[in-house]
C-alpha atoms as a PDB file:
ATOM      1  CA  MET A   1     288.452 195.375 125.114  1.00  0.00           C
ATOM      2  CA  GLY A   2     290.197 198.710 125.369  1.00  0.00           C
ATOM      3  CA  ALA A   3     293.844 197.660 125.084  1.00  0.00           C
ATOM      4  CA  LYS A   4     296.021 200.311 123.500  1.00  0.00           C
ATOM      5  CA  ALA A   5     299.380 198.670 122.746  1.00  0.00           C
ATOM      6  CA  THR A   6     298.789 194.921 122.524  1.00  0.00           C
ATOM      7  CA  GLY A   7     299.550 193.556 119.074  1.00  0.00           C
ATOM      8  CA  GLY A   8     302.079 191.950 116.810  1.00  0.00           C
ATOM      9  CA  ASP A   9     304.874 193.292 114.679  1.00  0.00           C
ATOM     10  CA  ASN A  10     307.297 191.185 112.627  1.00  0.00           C
ATOM     11  CA  GLY A  11     306.176 188.020 114.387  1.00  0.00           C
ATOM     12  CA  LEU A  12     306.770 189.459 117.860  1.00  0.00           C
ATOM     13  CA  TYR A  13     303.827 190.148 120.119  1.00  0.00           C
ATOM     14  CA  ILE A  14     303.887 193.033 122.546  1.00  0.00           C
ATOM     15  CA  THR A  15     301.703 194.227 125.369  1.00  0.00           C
ATOM     16  CA  THR A  16     301.892 196.553 128.353  1.00  0.00           C
ATOM     17  CA  PRO A  17     301.159 196.220 132.060  1.00  0.00           C
ATOM     18  CA  GLU A  18     298.214 198.591 131.578  1.00  0.00           C
ATOM     19  CA  ASP A  19     296.712 196.433 128.817  1.00  0.00           C
ATOM     20  CA  MET A  20     297.127 193.291 130.893  1.00  0.00           C
ATOM     21  CA  GLY A  21     295.329 195.041 133.765  1.00  0.00           C
ATOM     22  CA  ILE A  22     292.453 195.794 131.379  1.00  0.00           C
ATOM     23  CA  TYR A  23     292.255 192.104 130.436  1.00  0.00           C
ATOM     24  CA  LEU A  24     292.256 190.990 134.078  1.00  0.00           C
ATOM     25  CA  GLU A  25     289.560 193.510 134.949  1.00  0.00           C
ATOM     26  CA  ARG A  26     287.492 192.178 132.049  1.00  0.00           C
ATOM     27  CA  LEU A  27     288.080 188.616 133.296  1.00  0.00           C
ATOM     28  CA  LEU A  28     286.669 189.564 136.710  1.00  0.00           C
ATOM     29  CA  THR A  29     283.605 191.064 135.030  1.00  0.00           C
ATOM     30  CA  PHE A  30     283.259 187.970 132.832  1.00  0.00           C
ATOM     31  CA  SER A  31     283.462 185.705 135.896  1.00  0.00           C
ATOM     32  CA  LYS A  32     280.452 187.543 137.342  1.00  0.00           C
ATOM     33  CA  GLU A  33     278.514 187.523 134.063  1.00  0.00           C
ATOM     34  CA  LYS A  34     279.264 183.888 133.254  1.00  0.00           C
ATOM     35  CA  PRO A  35     280.459 182.262 136.511  1.00  0.00           C
ATOM     36  CA  GLU A  36     280.803 178.751 135.107  1.00  0.00           C
ATOM     37  CA  LEU A  37     283.266 179.831 132.408  1.00  0.00           C
ATOM     38  CA  GLY A  38     284.935 182.795 134.100  1.00  0.00           C
ATOM     39  CA  ASN A  39     285.560 180.943 137.339  1.00  0.00           C
ATOM     40  CA  GLU A  40     287.067 178.053 135.389  1.00  0.00           C
ATOM     41  CA  VAL A  41     289.659 180.411 133.901  1.00  0.00           C
ATOM     42  CA  LEU A  42     290.364 181.887 137.351  1.00  0.00           C
ATOM     43  CA  HIS A  43     290.682 178.368 138.779  1.00  0.00           C
ATOM     44  CA  TYR A  44     293.334 177.393 136.253  1.00  0.00           C
ATOM     45  CA  MET A  45     295.213 180.659 136.798  1.00  0.00           C
ATOM     46  CA  ALA A  46     295.094 180.140 140.578  1.00  0.00           C
ATOM     47  CA  ASN A  47     296.358 176.566 140.264  1.00  0.00           C
ATOM     48  CA  SER A  48     299.268 177.234 137.939  1.00  0.00           C
ATOM     49  CA  VAL A  49     302.415 175.130 138.112  1.00  0.00           C
ATOM     50  CA  PHE A  50     304.289 178.406 138.641  1.00  0.00           C
ATOM     51  CA  SER A  51     304.556 179.533 142.245  1.00  0.00           C
ATOM     52  CA  GLU A  52     307.213 182.165 141.566  1.00  0.00           C
ATOM     53  CA  GLY A  53     306.425 185.810 140.995  1.00  0.00           C
ATOM     54  CA  ILE A  54     303.319 187.399 142.472  1.00  0.00           C
ATOM     55  CA  PRO A  55     302.320 184.577 144.885  1.00  0.00           C
ATOM     56  CA  GLN A  56     305.865 183.600 145.916  1.00  0.00           C
ATOM     57  CA  ASP A  57     306.178 185.611 149.141  1.00  0.00           C
ATOM     58  CA  LEU A  58     302.499 186.105 149.966  1.00  0.00           C
ATOM     59  CA  PRO A  59     300.785 184.181 152.780  1.00  0.00           C
ATOM     60  CA  ALA A  60     299.959 180.613 151.738  1.00  0.00           C
ATOM     61  CA  ASP A  61     296.214 181.086 152.312  1.00  0.00           C
ATOM     62  CA  ILE A  62     295.943 183.940 149.796  1.00  0.00           C
ATOM     63  CA  ILE A  63     294.557 182.871 146.414  1.00  0.00           C
ATOM     64  CA  VAL A  64     296.395 184.388 143.467  1.00  0.00           C
ATOM     65  CA  ALA A  65     295.131 183.879 139.917  1.00  0.00           C
ATOM     66  CA  HIS A  66     298.170 184.767 137.819  1.00  0.00           C
ATOM     67  CA  LYS A  67     299.881 184.262 134.496  1.00  0.00           C
ATOM     68  CA  MET A  68     303.636 184.461 134.067  1.00  0.00           C
ATOM     69  CA  GLY A  69     305.440 185.226 130.857  1.00  0.00           C
ATOM     70  CA  ALA A  70     309.088 185.245 129.808  1.00  0.00           C
ATOM     71  CA  LEU A  71     311.065 186.026 126.697  1.00  0.00           C
ATOM     72  CA  ASN A  72     314.845 186.275 126.711  1.00  0.00           C
ATOM     73  CA  ASP A  73     315.675 188.737 129.529  1.00  0.00           C
ATOM     74  CA  LYS A  74     312.082 189.814 130.156  1.00  0.00           C
ATOM     75  CA  PHE A  75     310.033 188.242 132.937  1.00  0.00           C
ATOM     76  CA  HIS A  76     306.466 189.278 133.681  1.00  0.00           C
ATOM     77  CA  ASP A  77     303.637 188.270 135.960  1.00  0.00           C
ATOM     78  CA  VAL A  78     300.077 189.551 136.025  1.00  0.00           C
ATOM     79  CA  GLY A  79     297.366 188.510 138.410  1.00  0.00           C
ATOM     80  CA  ILE A  80     294.464 189.025 140.716  1.00  0.00           C
ATOM     81  CA  VAL A  81     295.219 188.741 144.424  1.00  0.00           C
ATOM     82  CA  PHE A  82     292.152 187.655 146.386  1.00  0.00           C
ATOM     83  CA  SER A  83     293.105 189.133 149.752  1.00  0.00           C
ATOM     84  CA  ASN A  84     290.910 191.093 152.181  1.00  0.00           C
ATOM     85  CA  ARG A  85     290.961 193.834 149.537  1.00  0.00           C
ATOM     86  CA  PRO A  86     291.228 192.002 146.176  1.00  0.00           C
ATOM     87  CA  TYR A  87     293.347 193.794 143.594  1.00  0.00           C
ATOM     88  CA  ILE A  88     294.867 193.446 140.145  1.00  0.00           C
ATOM     89  CA  ILE A  89     298.630 193.623 139.818  1.00  0.00           C
ATOM     90  CA  THR A  90     300.806 193.611 136.703  1.00  0.00           C
ATOM     91  CA  ILE A  91     304.610 193.579 136.925  1.00  0.00           C
ATOM     92  CA  PHE A  92     307.023 193.532 133.981  1.00  0.00           C
ATOM     93  CA  THR A  93     310.830 193.324 134.189  1.00  0.00           C
ATOM     94  CA  ASP A  94     313.446 193.866 131.501  1.00  0.00           C
ATOM     95  CA  GLU A  95     317.163 193.252 131.010  1.00  0.00           C
ATOM     96  CA  ALA A  96     317.846 191.164 134.107  1.00  0.00           C
ATOM     97  CA  TRP A  97     318.796 187.618 135.025  1.00  0.00           C
ATOM     98  CA  GLU A  98     315.933 185.229 135.614  1.00  0.00           C
ATOM     99  CA  LYS A  99     316.659 184.706 139.330  1.00  0.00           C
ATOM    100  CA  VAL A 100     316.838 188.463 139.974  1.00  0.00           C
ATOM    101  CA  SER A 101     313.707 189.155 137.913  1.00  0.00           C
ATOM    102  CA  LEU A 102     311.636 186.490 139.660  1.00  0.00           C
ATOM    103  CA  GLN A 103     312.679 187.808 143.068  1.00  0.00           C
ATOM    104  CA  THR A 104     311.848 191.355 141.945  1.00  0.00           C
ATOM    105  CA  LEU A 105     308.357 190.199 140.933  1.00  0.00           C
ATOM    106  CA  ALA A 106     307.924 188.630 144.385  1.00  0.00           C
ATOM    107  CA  ASP A 107     309.324 191.668 146.214  1.00  0.00           C
ATOM    108  CA  VAL A 108     307.076 194.160 144.400  1.00  0.00           C
ATOM    109  CA  SER A 109     304.102 191.870 144.941  1.00  0.00           C
ATOM    110  CA  ARG A 110     304.759 191.695 148.680  1.00  0.00           C
ATOM    111  CA  ILE A 111     305.135 195.490 148.934  1.00  0.00           C
ATOM    112  CA  VAL A 112     301.764 195.979 147.220  1.00  0.00           C
ATOM    113  CA  TYR A 113     300.135 193.269 149.348  1.00  0.00           C
ATOM    114  CA  ASP A 114     301.419 194.807 152.593  1.00  0.00           C
ATOM    115  CA  PHE A 115     300.144 198.222 151.511  1.00  0.00           C
ATOM    116  CA  GLN A 116     296.725 196.854 150.521  1.00  0.00           C
ATOM    117  CA  GLU A 117     296.379 195.099 153.844  1.00  0.00           C
ATOM    118  CA  SER A 118     297.420 198.196 155.811  1.00  0.00           C
ATOM    119  CA  ILE A 119     294.689 200.530 154.552  1.00  0.00           C
END
């Protein structure tokens, strides 16, 4: 699909924010090509049990299809924000406490959302 760094090494799997953005872009395309299947994936991502990260500090009426990930001191969230100007956002953190990382994900998400809504 065009990912450059995603793969496994010694049982550990790695990826990058850029690769995750490629996958989300492909998911949007897939949801248009095959709405029944693609929209089902988006539905499950938008109705995750996780409300932290990207959607945490956004307005309640904004739909966010996202997927969180965590390993040790790394906390990540990637998603599609269906605002007035829908966009893909990928945020990775490293070497921080969980509470701080989750708030950082939310803070960066809100900064991007405010910018997107202002232009």
